[in-house]
C-alpha cells in the first residue's frame, strides 16, 4: 500500500513539475554585422547581413535551459585595394548549442543570458570584384574557373562562440 501511494505521489509530482518546465520555441529575424579578421583581411569593411531562423528552449534545471535551433545567416565583408573593390557574401545554416540562464524579473518578462558554441555550414555565396567598369562574379565556396585559372573557394565549415 505504501509503495502504491508513493508511486502515485511521484507521478503527480512529475506531472506538476513538467507543467512548469515547458519546451518553448522561438522565431528569429534580424540584422547582423560581419567582417573579416586575420591574415589578408587588411582594409576589410563590415557589412550588414540578414538573419532568419527558428529555435527551441529546453528547460533543464531551475533557471537553466538548453537552446538550439537552425538559422540562415548571411556573413561577409567588403574591401578596397589598389584599383579594385571586392564584396564577398557567405550564406550559412547555423546551429547554436547554448546554455541559457533565465532571470525572471517580472510576471510577463524574462531576461535570458546565453553562451556557447555554434556550428555552421556554408550553403551559398557570391564574390564580386569590381575593376573600373568590369565586374567579375563567382561562387564563394566552390571552385571557379576564371581565364583558364582555377580559383579555390572558401571553406564551408564555420564554428565559433556566441
Protein backbone atom coordinates (compact mmCIF):
# COMPACT_ATOMS: atom_id res chain seq x y z
CA UNK A 1 0.00 0.00 0.00
CA UNK A 2 2.80 2.41 0.88
CA UNK A 3 4.53 1.64 -2.43
CA UNK A 4 1.33 2.39 -4.36
CA UNK A 5 0.79 5.71 -2.54
CA UNK A 6 4.46 6.61 -3.05
CA UNK A 7 4.18 5.80 -6.78
CA UNK A 8 1.03 7.94 -7.12
CA UNK A 9 2.70 10.86 -5.32
CA UNK A 10 5.77 10.56 -7.59
CA UNK A 11 3.60 10.51 -10.72
CA UNK A 12 1.62 13.60 -9.64
CA UNK A 13 4.77 15.48 -8.65
CA UNK A 14 6.33 14.66 -12.03
CA UNK A 15 3.20 15.95 -13.82
CA UNK A 16 3.27 19.16 -11.79
CA UNK A 17 6.98 19.64 -12.46
CA UNK A 18 6.59 19.13 -16.22
CA UNK A 19 3.82 21.73 -16.33
CA UNK A 20 6.29 24.36 -15.12
CA UNK A 21 9.19 23.25 -17.33
CA UNK A 22 7.72 23.56 -20.79
CA UNK A 23 9.75 23.42 -24.01
CA UNK A 24 9.26 26.68 -25.92
CA UNK A 25 10.08 27.64 -29.47
CA UNK A 26 11.00 30.97 -31.00
CA UNK A 27 11.48 32.70 -34.33
CA UNK A 28 14.40 34.98 -35.11
CA UNK A 29 14.58 37.76 -37.68
CA UNK A 30 17.19 40.47 -37.71
CA UNK A 31 20.39 42.02 -38.96
CA UNK A 32 23.95 41.10 -38.16
CA UNK A 33 27.22 42.91 -38.69
CA UNK A 34 30.14 40.86 -40.02
CA UNK A 35 33.69 41.45 -41.17
CA UNK A 36 36.88 39.51 -41.71
CA UNK A 37 39.79 39.29 -39.29
CA UNK A 38 43.22 37.74 -39.52
CA UNK A 39 45.83 37.39 -42.27
CA UNK A 40 44.91 39.02 -45.57
CA UNK A 41 41.99 40.98 -44.14
CA UNK A 42 43.69 44.39 -44.09
CA UNK A 43 41.27 47.11 -45.14
CA UNK A 44 38.12 44.96 -44.85
CA UNK A 45 34.91 46.81 -44.02
CA UNK A 46 31.94 45.36 -42.11
CA UNK A 47 28.64 44.59 -43.85
CA UNK A 48 25.07 44.40 -42.53
CA UNK A 49 23.55 41.00 -43.29
CA UNK A 50 20.13 39.39 -42.73
CA UNK A 51 19.47 36.54 -40.31
CA UNK A 52 16.33 34.38 -40.01
CA UNK A 53 15.70 31.19 -38.07
CA UNK A 54 13.80 29.10 -35.54
CA UNK A 55 14.87 27.83 -32.13
CA UNK A 56 13.81 25.84 -29.12
CA UNK A 57 14.45 26.31 -25.41
CA UNK A 58 14.55 23.09 -23.37
CA UNK A 59 14.43 23.65 -19.59
CA UNK A 60 17.00 21.59 -17.68
CA UNK A 61 17.05 22.52 -14.00
CA UNK A 62 15.81 25.59 -12.19
CA UNK A 63 16.62 28.70 -14.18
CA UNK A 64 19.00 26.91 -16.60
CA UNK A 65 17.98 25.66 -20.04
CA UNK A 66 19.48 24.43 -23.33
CA UNK A 67 18.82 26.41 -26.51
CA UNK A 68 19.35 25.27 -30.09
CA UNK A 69 17.77 25.80 -33.47
CA UNK A 70 18.54 26.40 -37.13
CA UNK A 71 19.33 29.82 -38.57
CA UNK A 72 20.00 31.07 -42.09
CA UNK A 73 22.78 33.61 -41.52
CA UNK A 74 24.45 35.76 -44.13
CA UNK A 75 28.03 36.89 -43.46
CA UNK A 76 30.80 38.52 -45.42
CA UNK A 77 32.92 41.61 -45.90
CA UNK A 78 33.89 44.20 -48.44
CA UNK A 79 37.26 45.79 -49.01
CA UNK A 80 39.05 48.13 -51.37
CA UNK A 81 42.52 47.52 -52.71
CA UNK A 82 44.56 49.40 -55.28
CA UNK A 83 42.27 49.87 -58.28
CA UNK A 84 39.51 47.41 -57.38
CA UNK A 85 36.71 46.76 -54.90
CA UNK A 86 35.65 43.33 -53.63
CA UNK A 87 32.44 42.25 -51.92
CA UNK A 88 32.07 38.71 -50.53
CA UNK A 89 28.73 37.26 -49.40
CA UNK A 90 28.63 33.97 -47.47
CA UNK A 91 25.32 32.25 -46.56
CA UNK A 92 25.36 29.66 -43.78
CA UNK A 93 22.98 27.31 -41.99
CA UNK A 94 23.91 27.80 -38.33
CA UNK A 95 23.10 25.64 -35.32
CA UNK A 96 23.78 27.16 -31.90
CA UNK A 97 24.32 24.94 -28.84
CA UNK A 98 23.75 27.37 -25.99
CA UNK A 99 23.42 27.24 -22.22
CA UNK A 100 20.75 29.75 -21.19
CA UNK A 101 20.35 31.38 -17.78
CA UNK A 102 16.88 32.86 -17.10
CA UNK A 103 16.46 35.76 -14.72
CA UNK A 104 12.75 36.24 -14.07
CA UNK A 105 12.33 39.93 -13.30
CA UNK A 106 8.56 40.35 -13.63
CA UNK A 107 5.44 38.27 -14.20
CA UNK A 108 5.44 38.59 -18.01
CA UNK A 109 9.13 39.34 -18.60
CA UNK A 110 12.14 37.01 -18.65
CA UNK A 111 15.72 38.18 -19.19
CA UNK A 112 17.92 35.42 -20.66
CA UNK A 113 21.73 35.29 -20.81
CA UNK A 114 23.15 32.71 -23.25
CA UNK A 115 26.63 31.41 -24.04
CA UNK A 116 28.03 28.52 -26.02
CA UNK A 117 29.38 27.33 -29.36
CA UNK A 118 27.76 27.29 -32.78
CA UNK A 119 28.36 25.14 -35.85
CA UNK A 120 27.70 26.40 -39.38
CA UNK A 121 27.86 25.07 -42.94
CA UNK A 122 28.21 27.33 -45.98
CA UNK A 123 25.45 26.69 -48.49
CA UNK A 124 25.83 29.53 -50.99
CA UNK A 125 27.51 32.83 -51.67
CA UNK A 126 28.99 35.09 -54.29
CA UNK A 127 32.20 37.11 -54.66
CA UNK A 128 32.09 40.28 -56.74
CA UNK A 129 35.24 42.04 -57.89
CA UNK A 130 34.75 45.50 -59.44
CA UNK A 131 37.62 46.83 -61.56
CA UNK A 132 36.70 50.14 -63.17
CA UNK A 133 33.68 49.26 -65.40
CA UNK A 134 34.20 45.47 -65.24
CA UNK A 135 32.51 43.23 -62.63
CA UNK A 136 33.56 39.61 -62.15
CA UNK A 137 31.28 37.34 -60.05
CA UNK A 138 31.97 33.80 -58.94
CA UNK A 139 30.98 31.23 -56.31
CA UNK A 140 32.21 31.86 -52.76
CA UNK A 141 32.55 28.22 -51.67
CA UNK A 142 33.11 26.19 -54.83
CA UNK A 143 35.96 26.23 -57.31
CA UNK A 144 35.60 28.65 -60.22
CA UNK A 145 37.47 28.94 -63.48
CA UNK A 146 38.45 32.48 -64.46
CA UNK A 147 40.51 32.99 -67.63
CA UNK A 148 41.59 29.36 -67.52
CA UNK A 149 42.81 29.61 -63.92
CA UNK A 150 41.09 27.68 -61.14
CA UNK A 151 40.20 29.86 -58.15
CA UNK A 152 39.53 27.83 -55.00
CA UNK A 153 36.61 28.77 -52.79
CA UNK A 154 36.42 29.38 -49.07
CA UNK A 155 35.95 26.57 -46.55
CA UNK A 156 32.31 25.68 -45.96
CA UNK A 157 32.61 24.75 -42.27
CA UNK A 158 32.45 27.52 -39.66
CA UNK A 159 32.39 27.33 -35.89
CA UNK A 160 32.64 29.86 -33.12
CA UNK A 161 31.37 31.11 -29.78
CA UNK A 162 28.18 33.08 -29.19
